Protein backbone atom coordinates (compact mmCIF):
# COMPACT_ATOMS: atom_id res chain seq x y z
CA MET A 1 0.00 0.00 0.00
CA PRO A 2 1.51 3.37 -0.96
CA ARG A 3 2.33 5.94 1.67
CA PRO A 4 -0.28 8.73 1.97
CA LYS A 5 0.74 12.15 0.67
CA ALA A 6 2.03 14.63 3.20
CA ILE A 7 -0.40 17.35 4.20
CA THR A 8 2.40 19.92 4.08
CA PRO A 9 4.68 19.51 1.07
CA SER A 10 8.43 19.34 1.69
CA VAL A 11 11.26 21.17 -0.01
CA GLU A 12 14.90 20.17 -0.21
CA LYS A 13 17.56 22.45 1.22
CA SER A 14 21.28 21.98 0.91
CA ILE A 15 23.35 23.05 3.92
CA SER A 16 26.99 22.79 4.93
CA LEU A 17 27.93 21.75 8.44
CA PRO A 18 31.30 21.44 10.14
CA LEU A 19 32.52 17.86 9.95
CA ASP A 20 32.94 17.49 13.71
CA LEU A 21 29.38 18.68 14.38
CA CYS A 22 27.97 16.35 11.74
CA ALA A 23 29.92 13.38 13.12
CA LYS A 24 28.67 14.00 16.67
CA VAL A 25 25.05 14.20 15.52
CA ASP A 26 25.48 11.10 13.34
CA LEU A 27 26.69 9.17 16.39
CA LEU A 28 23.65 10.23 18.40
CA LEU A 29 21.24 9.37 15.59
CA LEU A 30 22.85 6.01 14.84
CA ASP A 31 20.66 2.96 15.40
CA PRO A 32 23.05 0.44 16.99
CA LEU A 33 20.94 -2.56 16.01
CA GLU A 34 20.94 -1.69 12.32
CA ALA A 35 24.33 0.07 12.40
CA LYS A 36 22.96 2.99 10.39
CA ILE A 37 21.11 6.25 10.78
CA PRO A 38 17.37 5.68 10.32
CA HIS A 39 15.82 7.16 7.19
CA GLY A 40 14.56 10.69 7.91
CA ALA A 41 16.32 11.02 11.28
CA TRP A 42 18.19 14.16 10.25
CA SER A 43 15.00 15.71 8.84
CA ARG A 44 13.03 14.97 11.99
CA LEU A 45 15.78 16.45 14.16
CA LEU A 46 16.04 19.64 12.11
CA GLN A 47 12.27 20.06 11.91
CA SER A 48 12.01 19.76 15.68
CA LEU A 49 14.82 22.24 16.31
CA LEU A 50 13.50 24.74 13.75
CA ARG A 51 9.96 24.60 15.15
CA GLU A 52 11.32 25.22 18.64
CA TRP A 53 13.46 28.11 17.37
CA LEU A 54 10.50 29.67 15.53
CA GLN A 55 8.28 29.34 18.60
CA GLU A 56 10.89 31.09 20.75
CA HIS A 57 11.09 33.96 18.26
CA GLN A 58 7.32 34.25 18.03
CA ASP A 59 7.03 34.28 21.83
CA ARG A 60 9.78 36.90 22.07
CA GLY A 61 7.98 39.04 19.48
CA ARG A 62 4.69 38.83 21.41
CA ASN A 63 6.43 39.85 24.61
CA GLN A 64 7.87 42.88 22.81
CA GLY A 65 4.58 43.70 21.08
CA GLU A 66 6.01 43.07 17.59
CA LEU A 67 3.80 40.19 16.41
């Protein structure tokens, strides 16, 4: 059965990260049983961090009367 379409479409972004930072994150995302990083783990991490960052900025704007 095919996967249902996402409600919110995705876009691809290309970013550059320092090698040491990338290696540390890879180690934390690594699934030891499969000896690989699960598909979509990086995307889920970045989505979570970006949503949190946006919420902080929105809250800060409300507190300053900007939003």
